[in-house]
Every structure is written in C-alpha cells, then in structure tokens.
Amino acid sequence: MSSFEVRRSAVIPAPAEEIFPLVNSFHEWTRWSPWESVDPGMSRRYYGPDSGVGAGYEWSGNRKAGSGTMEIVESISPSSIMITLQFTRPFKALNPTTFTFTPVQGGTEVTWLMTGENKGAAKVFALFMNMDKLVGSDFERGLKSLASAVSARKS
C-alpha cells in the first residue's frame, strides 16, 4: 500500500486569531477554497454546528468536483484544526487533513497538510498522477485566497 502526503505553507500577514475562523467554519470556505469554483452548480449541505468540532460539509458536483464530506474532528483555537475528508466520487478515499497556525515574524505561518493511502482505484490513479503535484497547486491557490479573504475582512 502506498501512502502520500501533500503539504503547503504560507505566511499570512495577520494574527492566527483572524485566520483561524475562516478555516474553522465550512460556511467561510466559499470565500477562499480553491475548489469552490470548479463546479458553479455544485450542491452543498452543511450539518452539525456552524464551526468547530462536529461541523460538517457535504458536496456533490460534476466529474471534476466529485463528491464527499468533510468534518472537523479537532479544533484548538487558534493553533490547529483537524478534518476528516472523505471522498465518495470519483473514487472512495479517506484523507485526514490538518491546518496549523504558527505565529512567525510578519504574521502567521499556515500549513495545510493532507495525508492518505492509495488503494483500489486510487492506487491505479496514483501510478499516473503525482498527488503532490495534483493537489499541491490547489493548496497554494487556496492559501493565497485565504490571505486575500483575511485582508478583505480587515478593510
């Protein structure tokens, strides 16, 4: 079984307390998630509390967007958020995802980490596609959008 890890970090010029709420609530993800624009007709459903542990998000979209769920399983304000990310289409996959917020000079270093195992259809897919390349650029776009969303909230 092959496992993978996709990790990207960016320094956002704001305190963690200002960035954390944008990740801790899936309602806020529409402002910065790199996948929100993949399918404008995507259906979304939120469940559980608005933010923090138990907050959930379910999506179903076109072939590119796929479908699945995300649920916050740990939320330690303002330092880390753990999410269980489960894809149901185009293939089943469970990808634990973590955001960490570390104070650094000039702001907060936000690290977005997703891990997973390639098995079944995903294993065949992984032979041809590098998950780091495939998802890494999305993470980079997402972190840039997150920085823009934080500065938009300030102004």
N, C-alpha and C. Protein backbone atom coordinates (compact mmCIF):
# COMPACT_ATOMS: atom_id res chain seq x y z
N MET A 1 0.85 -1.18 0.00
CA MET A 1 0.00 0.00 0.00
C MET A 1 0.89 1.24 0.00
N SER A 2 0.63 2.19 -0.87
CA SER A 2 1.44 3.39 -0.91
C SER A 2 0.68 4.54 -0.25
N SER A 3 1.41 5.29 0.54
CA SER A 3 0.77 6.44 1.19
C SER A 3 1.37 7.71 0.60
N PHE A 4 0.67 8.82 0.80
CA PHE A 4 1.17 10.08 0.30
C PHE A 4 0.90 11.18 1.30
N GLU A 5 1.60 12.29 1.10
CA GLU A 5 1.42 13.46 1.94
C GLU A 5 1.53 14.68 1.03
N VAL A 6 0.60 15.60 1.17
CA VAL A 6 0.67 16.86 0.45
C VAL A 6 0.69 17.95 1.52
N ARG A 7 1.73 18.80 1.47
CA ARG A 7 1.89 19.83 2.49
C ARG A 7 2.30 21.14 1.81
N ARG A 8 1.60 22.21 2.16
CA ARG A 8 1.98 23.53 1.68
C ARG A 8 1.83 24.51 2.84
N SER A 9 2.73 25.51 2.86
CA SER A 9 2.69 26.53 3.90
C SER A 9 2.80 27.90 3.27
N ALA A 10 2.22 28.88 3.94
CA ALA A 10 2.34 30.27 3.50
C ALA A 10 2.26 31.15 4.74
N VAL A 11 3.01 32.25 4.70
CA VAL A 11 2.90 33.22 5.79
C VAL A 11 1.85 34.24 5.40
N ILE A 12 0.84 34.34 6.23
CA ILE A 12 -0.25 35.30 6.00
C ILE A 12 -0.06 36.45 6.99
N PRO A 13 -0.02 37.70 6.48
CA PRO A 13 0.27 38.84 7.36
C PRO A 13 -0.91 39.23 8.25
N ALA A 14 -1.24 38.34 9.16
CA ALA A 14 -2.33 38.58 10.12
C ALA A 14 -2.13 37.63 11.29
N PRO A 15 -2.68 38.00 12.47
CA PRO A 15 -2.59 37.07 13.61
C PRO A 15 -3.46 35.83 13.38
N ALA A 16 -3.05 34.73 13.97
CA ALA A 16 -3.78 33.45 13.84
C ALA A 16 -5.26 33.62 14.20
N GLU A 17 -5.55 34.47 15.18
CA GLU A 17 -6.93 34.69 15.63
C GLU A 17 -7.83 35.21 14.52
N GLU A 18 -7.24 35.90 13.53
CA GLU A 18 -8.02 36.43 12.41
C GLU A 18 -8.18 35.41 11.28
N ILE A 19 -7.24 34.48 11.16
CA ILE A 19 -7.25 33.49 10.07
C ILE A 19 -8.07 32.26 10.46
N PHE A 20 -7.87 31.82 11.70
CA PHE A 20 -8.49 30.59 12.21
C PHE A 20 -9.99 30.46 11.91
N PRO A 21 -10.80 31.51 12.16
CA PRO A 21 -12.25 31.37 11.93
C PRO A 21 -12.63 31.07 10.47
N LEU A 22 -11.79 31.48 9.52
CA LEU A 22 -12.08 31.25 8.09
C LEU A 22 -11.91 29.78 7.71
N VAL A 23 -11.14 29.05 8.52
CA VAL A 23 -10.94 27.62 8.26
C VAL A 23 -11.84 26.78 9.17
N ASN A 24 -12.13 27.30 10.35
CA ASN A 24 -12.88 26.57 11.37
C ASN A 24 -14.38 26.49 11.09
N SER A 25 -14.84 27.20 10.06
CA SER A 25 -16.24 27.13 9.65
C SER A 25 -16.32 26.87 8.15
N PHE A 26 -16.97 25.78 7.76
CA PHE A 26 -17.08 25.47 6.34
C PHE A 26 -17.90 26.52 5.60
N HIS A 27 -18.75 27.26 6.32
CA HIS A 27 -19.52 28.34 5.69
C HIS A 27 -18.57 29.41 5.12
N GLU A 28 -17.40 29.55 5.73
CA GLU A 28 -16.40 30.54 5.28
C GLU A 28 -15.56 30.04 4.10
N TRP A 29 -15.54 28.72 3.87
CA TRP A 29 -14.69 28.15 2.83
C TRP A 29 -15.05 28.66 1.44
N THR A 30 -16.32 29.07 1.24
CA THR A 30 -16.73 29.57 -0.08
C THR A 30 -15.93 30.82 -0.45
N ARG A 31 -15.35 31.50 0.54
CA ARG A 31 -14.57 32.73 0.29
C ARG A 31 -13.15 32.44 -0.15
N TRP A 32 -12.63 31.23 0.12
CA TRP A 32 -11.21 31.01 -0.18
C TRP A 32 -10.86 29.63 -0.74
N SER A 33 -11.70 28.64 -0.60
CA SER A 33 -11.34 27.29 -1.03
C SER A 33 -11.08 27.24 -2.54
N PRO A 34 -9.97 26.60 -2.95
CA PRO A 34 -9.62 26.54 -4.36
C PRO A 34 -10.61 25.69 -5.17
N TRP A 35 -11.45 24.93 -4.50
CA TRP A 35 -12.36 24.02 -5.20
C TRP A 35 -13.76 24.59 -5.39
N GLU A 36 -14.03 25.74 -4.78
CA GLU A 36 -15.38 26.30 -4.86
C GLU A 36 -15.80 26.66 -6.28
N SER A 37 -14.81 27.03 -7.12
CA SER A 37 -15.14 27.48 -8.47
C SER A 37 -15.09 26.35 -9.51
N VAL A 38 -14.71 25.14 -9.08
CA VAL A 38 -14.59 24.01 -10.01
C VAL A 38 -15.93 23.68 -10.67
N ASP A 39 -17.00 23.75 -9.88
CA ASP A 39 -18.33 23.45 -10.39
C ASP A 39 -19.33 24.44 -9.81
N PRO A 40 -19.69 25.49 -10.59
CA PRO A 40 -20.62 26.51 -10.07
C PRO A 40 -21.98 25.92 -9.65
N GLY A 41 -22.37 24.79 -10.23
CA GLY A 41 -23.65 24.18 -9.90
C GLY A 41 -23.58 23.15 -8.78
N MET A 42 -22.43 23.08 -8.11
CA MET A 42 -22.21 22.07 -7.08
C MET A 42 -23.23 22.21 -5.94
N SER A 43 -23.77 21.09 -5.49
CA SER A 43 -24.69 21.17 -4.35
C SER A 43 -23.89 21.01 -3.06
N ARG A 44 -24.25 21.81 -2.06
CA ARG A 44 -23.56 21.80 -0.77
C ARG A 44 -24.59 21.64 0.34
N ARG A 45 -24.18 20.93 1.37
CA ARG A 45 -25.04 20.80 2.55
C ARG A 45 -24.15 20.90 3.78
N TYR A 46 -24.55 21.73 4.71
CA TYR A 46 -23.81 21.87 5.97
C TYR A 46 -24.59 21.13 7.05
N TYR A 47 -23.87 20.53 7.98
CA TYR A 47 -24.55 19.87 9.10
C TYR A 47 -23.74 20.07 10.38
N GLY A 48 -24.39 19.80 11.51
CA GLY A 48 -23.72 19.99 12.80
C GLY A 48 -23.63 21.46 13.15
N PRO A 49 -22.76 21.81 14.10
CA PRO A 49 -22.61 23.21 14.49
C PRO A 49 -22.02 24.04 13.34
N ASP A 50 -22.11 25.37 13.42
CA ASP A 50 -21.57 26.24 12.37
C ASP A 50 -20.06 26.18 12.27
N SER A 51 -19.40 25.92 13.40
CA SER A 51 -17.94 25.87 13.39
C SER A 51 -17.44 24.94 14.48
N GLY A 52 -16.16 24.60 14.38
CA GLY A 52 -15.53 23.76 15.40
C GLY A 52 -15.88 22.29 15.26
N VAL A 53 -15.57 21.53 16.31
CA VAL A 53 -15.76 20.08 16.30
C VAL A 53 -17.20 19.71 15.98
N GLY A 54 -17.36 18.80 15.03
CA GLY A 54 -18.68 18.34 14.64
C GLY A 54 -19.26 19.08 13.44
N ALA A 55 -18.65 20.22 13.08
CA ALA A 55 -19.12 20.97 11.90
C ALA A 55 -18.83 20.13 10.67
N GLY A 56 -19.83 19.99 9.79
CA GLY A 56 -19.67 19.16 8.61
C GLY A 56 -20.12 19.83 7.34
N TYR A 57 -19.61 19.31 6.25
CA TYR A 57 -19.88 19.85 4.92
C TYR A 57 -19.93 18.68 3.95
N GLU A 58 -20.97 18.67 3.15
CA GLU A 58 -21.12 17.60 2.17
C GLU A 58 -21.28 18.26 0.80
N TRP A 59 -20.57 17.76 -0.21
CA TRP A 59 -20.71 18.34 -1.53
C TRP A 59 -20.92 17.25 -2.57
N SER A 60 -21.54 17.64 -3.65
CA SER A 60 -21.71 16.74 -4.79
C SER A 60 -21.71 17.61 -6.04
N GLY A 61 -20.79 17.28 -6.95
CA GLY A 61 -20.65 18.13 -8.12
C GLY A 61 -20.38 17.35 -9.38
N ASN A 62 -19.91 18.07 -10.37
CA ASN A 62 -19.59 17.46 -11.66
C ASN A 62 -18.41 16.49 -11.52
N ARG A 63 -17.99 15.95 -12.65
CA ARG A 63 -16.92 14.95 -12.66
C ARG A 63 -15.65 15.48 -11.99
N LYS A 64 -15.36 16.76 -12.23
CA LYS A 64 -14.15 17.36 -11.69
C LYS A 64 -14.25 17.59 -10.18
N ALA A 65 -15.43 18.00 -9.73
CA ALA A 65 -15.62 18.31 -8.31
C ALA A 65 -15.80 17.04 -7.47
N GLY A 66 -16.38 16.01 -8.07
CA GLY A 66 -16.63 14.78 -7.33
C GLY A 66 -17.63 15.00 -6.21
N SER A 67 -17.58 14.12 -5.21
CA SER A 67 -18.46 14.28 -4.06
C SER A 67 -17.79 13.71 -2.82
N GLY A 68 -18.27 14.16 -1.67
CA GLY A 68 -17.70 13.67 -0.42
C GLY A 68 -18.17 14.50 0.76
N THR A 69 -17.47 14.31 1.88
CA THR A 69 -17.80 15.03 3.11
C THR A 69 -16.51 15.47 3.81
N MET A 70 -16.64 16.53 4.59
CA MET A 70 -15.57 16.98 5.47
C MET A 70 -16.20 17.22 6.83
N GLU A 71 -15.48 16.81 7.86
CA GLU A 71 -15.97 17.08 9.22
C GLU A 71 -14.80 17.46 10.11
N ILE A 72 -14.99 18.52 10.90
CA ILE A 72 -13.94 18.95 11.83
C ILE A 72 -13.97 18.00 13.03
N VAL A 73 -12.84 17.34 13.28
CA VAL A 73 -12.76 16.38 14.38
C VAL A 73 -11.95 16.91 15.57
N GLU A 74 -11.17 17.98 15.32
CA GLU A 74 -10.44 18.62 16.41
C GLU A 74 -10.25 20.08 16.05
N SER A 75 -10.48 20.95 17.03
CA SER A 75 -10.33 22.39 16.79
C SER A 75 -9.72 23.01 18.03
N ILE A 76 -8.46 23.42 17.92
CA ILE A 76 -7.77 24.03 19.05
C ILE A 76 -7.44 25.47 18.65
N SER A 77 -8.29 26.40 19.09
CA SER A 77 -8.15 27.80 18.70
C SER A 77 -6.96 28.44 19.42
N PRO A 78 -6.15 29.22 18.70
CA PRO A 78 -6.12 29.44 17.25
C PRO A 78 -4.97 28.68 16.59
N SER A 79 -4.65 27.46 17.09
CA SER A 79 -3.43 26.83 16.58
C SER A 79 -3.61 25.68 15.60
N SER A 80 -4.70 24.90 15.69
CA SER A 80 -4.83 23.79 14.75
C SER A 80 -6.26 23.32 14.57
N ILE A 81 -6.50 22.77 13.38
CA ILE A 81 -7.81 22.21 13.03
C ILE A 81 -7.56 20.90 12.31
N MET A 82 -8.22 19.83 12.76
CA MET A 82 -8.11 18.53 12.09
C MET A 82 -9.45 18.20 11.44
N ILE A 83 -9.38 17.78 10.19
CA ILE A 83 -10.57 17.50 9.41
C ILE A 83 -10.50 16.08 8.85
N THR A 84 -11.61 15.37 8.92
CA THR A 84 -11.71 14.08 8.23
C THR A 84 -12.33 14.39 6.87
N LEU A 85 -11.56 14.16 5.82
CA LEU A 85 -12.00 14.41 4.45
C LEU A 85 -12.26 13.07 3.80
N GLN A 86 -13.48 12.87 3.37
CA GLN A 86 -13.86 11.59 2.77
C GLN A 86 -14.45 11.83 1.38
N PHE A 87 -13.78 11.24 0.38
CA PHE A 87 -14.30 11.33 -0.99
C PHE A 87 -15.16 10.12 -1.28
N THR A 88 -16.27 10.32 -1.98
CA THR A 88 -17.09 9.18 -2.41
C THR A 88 -17.04 9.04 -3.94
N ARG A 89 -16.77 10.14 -4.66
CA ARG A 89 -16.58 10.13 -6.10
C ARG A 89 -15.42 11.06 -6.42
N PRO A 90 -14.58 10.87 -7.40
CA PRO A 90 -14.61 9.81 -8.41
C PRO A 90 -14.19 8.44 -7.86
N PHE A 91 -13.53 8.39 -6.70
CA PHE A 91 -13.28 7.10 -6.03
C PHE A 91 -13.29 7.34 -4.54
N LYS A 92 -13.49 6.27 -3.79
CA LYS A 92 -13.55 6.39 -2.33
C LYS A 92 -12.15 6.59 -1.77
N ALA A 93 -12.03 7.56 -0.87
CA ALA A 93 -10.74 7.81 -0.23
C ALA A 93 -10.99 8.54 1.08
N LEU A 94 -10.14 8.26 2.05
CA LEU A 94 -10.19 8.94 3.34
C LEU A 94 -8.87 9.68 3.49
N ASN A 95 -8.94 11.00 3.62
CA ASN A 95 -7.73 11.82 3.67
C ASN A 95 -7.75 12.74 4.88
N PRO A 96 -7.11 12.30 6.00
CA PRO A 96 -7.01 13.19 7.15
C PRO A 96 -6.29 14.48 6.74
N THR A 97 -6.86 15.61 7.12
CA THR A 97 -6.34 16.91 6.72
C THR A 97 -6.18 17.78 7.96
N THR A 98 -5.04 18.48 8.04
CA THR A 98 -4.75 19.32 9.20
C THR A 98 -4.32 20.71 8.76
N PHE A 99 -4.82 21.71 9.45
CA PHE A 99 -4.35 23.08 9.28
C PHE A 99 -3.68 23.47 10.58
N THR A 100 -2.45 24.02 10.50
CA THR A 100 -1.80 24.54 11.70
C THR A 100 -1.48 26.01 11.47
N PHE A 101 -1.56 26.77 12.56
CA PHE A 101 -1.38 28.22 12.53
C PHE A 101 -0.27 28.56 13.52
N THR A 102 0.91 28.95 13.00
CA THR A 102 2.07 29.20 13.84
C THR A 102 2.48 30.66 13.74
N PRO A 103 2.50 31.39 14.87
CA PRO A 103 2.94 32.80 14.82
C PRO A 103 4.40 32.87 14.37
N VAL A 104 4.66 33.71 13.38
CA VAL A 104 6.02 33.96 12.90
C VAL A 104 6.17 35.46 12.69
N GLN A 105 7.41 35.90 12.47
CA GLN A 105 7.62 37.32 12.19
C GLN A 105 6.86 37.68 10.92
N GLY A 106 6.05 38.71 10.99
CA GLY A 106 5.31 39.15 9.82
C GLY A 106 3.92 38.54 9.70
N GLY A 107 3.52 37.73 10.69
CA GLY A 107 2.17 37.17 10.62
C GLY A 107 2.05 35.77 11.17
N THR A 108 1.38 34.92 10.41
CA THR A 108 1.12 33.54 10.83
C THR A 108 1.46 32.60 9.70
N GLU A 109 2.24 31.58 10.02
CA GLU A 109 2.50 30.55 9.01
C GLU A 109 1.36 29.55 9.08
N VAL A 110 0.64 29.43 7.97
CA VAL A 110 -0.46 28.49 7.88
C VAL A 110 0.03 27.29 7.08
N THR A 111 -0.07 26.10 7.67
CA THR A 111 0.34 24.88 6.99
C THR A 111 -0.89 24.02 6.76
N TRP A 112 -1.06 23.58 5.51
CA TRP A 112 -2.18 22.76 5.09
C TRP A 112 -1.59 21.40 4.72
N LEU A 113 -1.99 20.37 5.45
CA LEU A 113 -1.43 19.02 5.27
C LEU A 113 -2.55 18.02 5.03
N MET A 114 -2.39 17.21 3.99
CA MET A 114 -3.35 16.14 3.72
C MET A 114 -2.56 14.87 3.53
N THR A 115 -3.01 13.80 4.18
CA THR A 115 -2.35 12.51 4.02
C THR A 115 -3.38 11.50 3.51
N GLY A 116 -2.89 10.40 3.04
CA GLY A 116 -3.80 9.37 2.56
C GLY A 116 -3.05 8.15 2.11
N GLU A 117 -3.82 7.13 1.81
CA GLU A 117 -3.26 5.89 1.28
C GLU A 117 -3.89 5.62 -0.06
N ASN A 118 -3.05 5.19 -0.98
CA ASN A 118 -3.56 4.83 -2.31
C ASN A 118 -3.89 3.36 -2.32
N LYS A 119 -5.18 3.06 -2.46
CA LYS A 119 -5.60 1.67 -2.58
C LYS A 119 -6.75 1.59 -3.55
N GLY A 120 -6.98 0.42 -4.11
CA GLY A 120 -8.06 0.25 -5.08
C GLY A 120 -7.86 1.14 -6.29
N ALA A 121 -8.94 1.81 -6.73
CA ALA A 121 -8.88 2.69 -7.91
C ALA A 121 -7.90 3.82 -7.70
N ALA A 122 -7.80 4.32 -6.48
CA ALA A 122 -6.88 5.43 -6.19
C ALA A 122 -5.43 5.00 -6.40
N LYS A 123 -5.13 3.73 -6.14
CA LYS A 123 -3.76 3.23 -6.31
C LYS A 123 -3.38 3.22 -7.79
N VAL A 124 -4.31 2.80 -8.64
CA VAL A 124 -4.07 2.81 -10.08
C VAL A 124 -3.88 4.26 -10.56
N PHE A 125 -4.75 5.15 -10.08
CA PHE A 125 -4.67 6.56 -10.41
C PHE A 125 -3.30 7.14 -10.01
N ALA A 126 -2.82 6.75 -8.82
CA ALA A 126 -1.56 7.26 -8.29
C ALA A 126 -0.36 6.83 -9.13
N LEU A 127 -0.49 5.75 -9.87
CA LEU A 127 0.62 5.32 -10.73
C LEU A 127 0.88 6.34 -11.83
N PHE A 128 -0.17 7.06 -12.22
CA PHE A 128 -0.05 8.01 -13.33
C PHE A 128 -0.04 9.46 -12.86
N MET A 129 -0.57 9.70 -11.68
CA MET A 129 -0.67 11.08 -11.19
C MET A 129 0.06 11.23 -9.87
N ASN A 130 0.82 12.30 -9.76
CA ASN A 130 1.52 12.61 -8.52
C ASN A 130 0.59 13.46 -7.66
N MET A 131 0.15 12.94 -6.51
CA MET A 131 -0.79 13.66 -5.66
C MET A 131 -0.25 15.02 -5.22
N ASP A 132 1.06 15.08 -4.95
CA ASP A 132 1.64 16.34 -4.52
C ASP A 132 1.49 17.41 -5.60
N LYS A 133 1.77 17.01 -6.85
CA LYS A 133 1.62 17.96 -7.96
C LYS A 133 0.16 18.29 -8.20
N LEU A 134 -0.68 17.26 -8.15
CA LEU A 134 -2.10 17.42 -8.46
C LEU A 134 -2.80 18.33 -7.45
N VAL A 135 -2.58 18.08 -6.17
CA VAL A 135 -3.30 18.79 -5.11
C VAL A 135 -2.50 19.98 -4.57
N GLY A 136 -1.17 19.88 -4.66
CA GLY A 136 -0.30 20.94 -4.13
C GLY A 136 -0.61 22.31 -4.71
N SER A 137 -0.83 22.38 -6.02
CA SER A 137 -1.12 23.68 -6.64
C SER A 137 -2.47 24.22 -6.15
N ASP A 138 -3.42 23.32 -5.88
CA ASP A 138 -4.70 23.74 -5.30
C ASP A 138 -4.48 24.34 -3.91
N PHE A 139 -3.65 23.67 -3.11
CA PHE A 139 -3.35 24.16 -1.76
C PHE A 139 -2.71 25.55 -1.85
N GLU A 140 -1.78 25.72 -2.80
CA GLU A 140 -1.11 27.02 -2.96
C GLU A 140 -2.12 28.10 -3.30
N ARG A 141 -3.02 27.82 -4.25
CA ARG A 141 -4.07 28.78 -4.62
C ARG A 141 -4.97 29.07 -3.42
N GLY A 142 -5.32 28.01 -2.68
CA GLY A 142 -6.18 28.17 -1.51
C GLY A 142 -5.56 29.05 -0.44
N LEU A 143 -4.26 28.87 -0.18
CA LEU A 143 -3.59 29.68 0.83
C LEU A 143 -3.52 31.15 0.40
N LYS A 144 -3.30 31.39 -0.90
CA LYS A 144 -3.31 32.77 -1.42
C LYS A 144 -4.70 33.39 -1.24
N SER A 145 -5.74 32.61 -1.57
CA SER A 145 -7.12 33.10 -1.42
C SER A 145 -7.45 33.34 0.04
N LEU A 146 -6.93 32.48 0.92
CA LEU A 146 -7.17 32.64 2.36
C LEU A 146 -6.56 33.97 2.82
N ALA A 147 -5.35 34.27 2.35
CA ALA A 147 -4.69 35.54 2.70
C ALA A 147 -5.53 36.72 2.21
N SER A 148 -6.08 36.62 0.99
CA SER A 148 -6.93 37.69 0.44
C SER A 148 -8.21 37.84 1.25
N ALA A 149 -8.80 36.70 1.65
CA ALA A 149 -10.04 36.74 2.43
C ALA A 149 -9.82 37.39 3.78
N VAL A 150 -8.64 37.14 4.38
CA VAL A 150 -8.31 37.75 5.68
C VAL A 150 -8.16 39.26 5.52
N SER A 151 -7.44 39.69 4.49
CA SER A 151 -7.25 41.13 4.32
C SER A 151 -8.56 41.82 3.93
N ALA A 152 -9.44 41.11 3.21
CA ALA A 152 -10.75 41.68 2.86
C ALA A 152 -11.62 41.90 4.11
N ARG A 153 -11.46 41.00 5.08
CA ARG A 153 -12.23 41.13 6.34
C ARG A 153 -11.78 42.35 7.14
N LYS A 154 -10.48 42.68 7.01
CA LYS A 154 -9.92 43.80 7.78
C LYS A 154 -10.37 45.14 7.23
N SER A 155 -10.49 45.22 5.89
CA SER A 155 -10.78 46.53 5.27
C SER A 155 -12.24 46.91 5.36
